[in-house]
Amino acid sequence: MSLAVASLLMAAPSLAHAATLGITVTNIPDATGTIRIAVCTKHEFLSPMCAYHEVVPSHPGQVHVSIQDIPSGIYAVQVFQDRNDNEKLDKNFFGIPQEPLGFSRNPAMHFGPPGFADSAFSLSNQNSEISLALKTK
């Protein structure tokens, strides 16, 4: 068996258990900057290094993205409007976010960011759609 065929056969099972996740982000206040969307495992949650991510131009109202080939598992989506395109969520001296942000399942954020369990959802090998709203200061 050739190396190319063996590689394809080894990759096939992982692709069979992957899905496309459609994400609609609502409550975008304006067209400033970009919308940064990340699909994160528990280990990656609240970090800037999630394996599945997308960046799209801001658009007042809402944007929609589709992220493909995400394996089945438990994930949370974190999103923010990077108003100055510096690729990070800006915070004030007290650590309070200064840019609109949101999480899957739209959890309350009274005293800091939500926990993973508050935002987590199960993604199977079926294509799925979620919607979340940005919250401002």
Protein backbone atom coordinates (compact mmCIF):
# COMPACT_ATOMS: atom_id res chain seq x y z
CA MET A 1 0.00 0.00 0.00
CA SER A 2 1.39 3.39 -0.90
CA LEU A 3 2.09 6.00 1.75
CA ALA A 4 -0.53 8.35 0.27
CA VAL A 5 -3.28 5.72 0.42
CA ALA A 6 -2.32 4.74 3.99
CA SER A 7 -2.42 8.39 5.07
CA LEU A 8 -5.86 8.85 3.52
CA LEU A 9 -7.23 5.76 5.26
CA MET A 10 -5.89 6.93 8.61
CA ALA A 11 -7.47 10.40 8.17
CA ALA A 12 -10.88 9.07 7.06
CA PRO A 13 -12.18 8.07 10.53
CA SER A 14 -11.45 11.49 12.01
CA LEU A 15 -13.26 13.26 9.18
CA ALA A 16 -16.28 10.99 9.64
CA HIS A 17 -16.70 12.32 13.20
CA ALA A 18 -16.31 16.00 12.32
CA ALA A 19 -19.00 18.61 11.81
CA THR A 20 -19.49 22.14 10.58
CA LEU A 21 -20.60 24.64 13.22
CA GLY A 22 -22.53 27.66 11.98
CA ILE A 23 -22.25 30.61 14.35
CA THR A 24 -24.40 33.74 14.20
CA VAL A 25 -23.16 36.68 16.27
CA THR A 26 -25.84 39.30 16.98
CA ASN A 27 -25.98 42.69 18.71
CA ILE A 28 -22.91 44.02 16.88
CA PRO A 29 -23.03 47.78 17.53
CA ASP A 30 -21.21 49.01 14.40
CA ALA A 31 -18.75 48.18 11.61
CA THR A 32 -15.62 49.05 13.58
CA GLY A 33 -12.80 46.49 13.46
CA THR A 34 -13.34 42.75 13.20
CA ILE A 35 -15.31 40.00 14.92
CA ARG A 36 -13.04 37.30 16.39
CA ILE A 37 -14.76 33.96 16.95
CA ALA A 38 -13.18 30.97 18.69
CA VAL A 39 -14.53 27.47 19.34
CA CYS A 40 -12.73 26.20 22.44
CA THR A 41 -12.30 23.06 24.48
CA LYS A 42 -12.38 23.32 28.28
CA HIS A 43 -8.57 23.49 28.32
CA GLU A 44 -8.52 26.36 25.77
CA PHE A 45 -11.47 28.36 27.15
CA LEU A 46 -10.75 32.05 27.86
CA SER A 47 -7.37 31.82 26.15
CA PRO A 48 -6.48 33.37 22.80
CA MET A 49 -5.25 30.02 21.47
CA CYS A 50 -8.37 27.99 20.58
CA ALA A 51 -7.86 25.47 17.77
CA TYR A 52 -10.95 26.48 15.78
CA HIS A 53 -11.39 30.15 15.00
CA GLU A 54 -12.46 32.68 12.41
CA VAL A 55 -12.05 36.44 11.93
CA VAL A 56 -14.56 38.43 9.87
CA PRO A 57 -15.17 42.14 9.30
CA SER A 58 -17.58 43.76 11.75
CA HIS A 59 -21.02 44.51 10.40
CA PRO A 60 -23.76 46.33 12.32
CA GLY A 61 -26.39 43.89 13.54
CA GLN A 62 -25.03 40.41 12.89
CA VAL A 63 -22.51 38.24 11.11
CA HIS A 64 -22.55 34.54 10.35
CA VAL A 65 -19.59 32.18 9.95
CA SER A 66 -19.22 28.45 9.42
CA ILE A 67 -16.26 26.63 10.92
CA GLN A 68 -15.66 23.22 9.37
CA ASP A 69 -14.13 19.93 10.45
CA ILE A 70 -14.63 20.26 14.20
CA PRO A 71 -14.46 16.83 15.87
CA SER A 72 -17.31 15.71 18.13
CA GLY A 73 -16.89 16.95 21.68
CA ILE A 74 -17.79 19.53 24.31
CA TYR A 75 -16.99 23.12 23.30
CA ALA A 76 -17.72 26.74 24.17
CA VAL A 77 -17.67 29.66 21.75
CA GLN A 78 -16.10 32.97 22.73
CA VAL A 79 -16.43 36.08 20.57
CA PHE A 80 -15.37 39.70 20.76
CA GLN A 81 -15.41 42.75 18.54
CA ASP A 82 -11.77 43.70 18.10
CA ARG A 83 -12.50 47.37 17.57
CA ASN A 84 -8.85 48.40 17.13
CA ASP A 85 -7.70 45.18 15.38
CA ASN A 86 -4.90 44.54 17.86
CA GLU A 87 -5.86 40.83 18.03
CA LYS A 88 -6.65 40.87 21.75
CA LEU A 89 -9.55 41.75 24.01
CA ASP A 90 -8.79 45.16 25.49
CA LYS A 91 -9.41 45.54 29.22
CA ASN A 92 -9.19 48.48 31.61
CA PHE A 93 -6.97 48.77 34.69
CA PHE A 94 -9.41 46.58 36.68
CA GLY A 95 -9.52 43.85 34.01
CA ILE A 96 -12.98 44.80 32.76
CA PRO A 97 -13.38 44.23 29.00
CA GLN A 98 -13.55 47.42 26.96
CA GLU A 99 -14.76 45.76 23.76
CA PRO A 100 -18.09 43.96 23.12
CA LEU A 101 -17.90 40.23 23.84
CA GLY A 102 -20.11 37.19 24.09
CA PHE A 103 -20.19 33.48 24.77
CA SER A 104 -22.25 30.51 23.61
CA ARG A 105 -25.47 30.01 25.57
CA ASN A 106 -25.40 33.78 26.40
CA PRO A 107 -24.48 33.38 30.10
CA ALA A 108 -24.70 36.26 32.56
CA MET A 109 -21.44 38.10 33.15
CA HIS A 110 -22.01 40.03 36.38
CA PHE A 111 -18.63 39.62 38.07
CA GLY A 112 -16.23 38.43 35.41
CA PRO A 113 -16.33 35.95 32.57
CA PRO A 114 -18.53 32.87 32.69
CA GLY A 115 -17.16 29.45 33.52
CA PHE A 116 -16.77 26.84 30.80
CA ALA A 117 -19.82 24.92 32.08
CA ASP A 118 -21.99 28.05 31.64
CA SER A 119 -21.07 28.29 27.95
CA ALA A 120 -20.47 24.65 27.00
CA PHE A 121 -22.46 22.65 24.48
CA SER A 122 -22.08 19.24 22.90
CA LEU A 123 -21.17 19.04 19.22
CA SER A 124 -21.88 15.71 17.55
CA ASN A 125 -20.91 14.63 14.07
CA GLN A 126 -24.02 16.43 12.78
CA ASN A 127 -23.72 19.97 11.43
CA SER A 128 -25.04 22.45 14.01
CA GLU A 129 -26.01 26.11 14.32
CA ILE A 130 -25.73 28.39 17.35
CA SER A 131 -26.42 32.06 17.95
CA LEU A 132 -24.98 34.38 20.57
CA ALA A 133 -25.22 38.07 21.35
CA LEU A 134 -22.37 40.47 22.03
CA LYS A 135 -22.62 42.39 25.29
CA THR A 136 -21.12 45.81 25.81
CA LYS A 137 -19.75 47.38 28.96
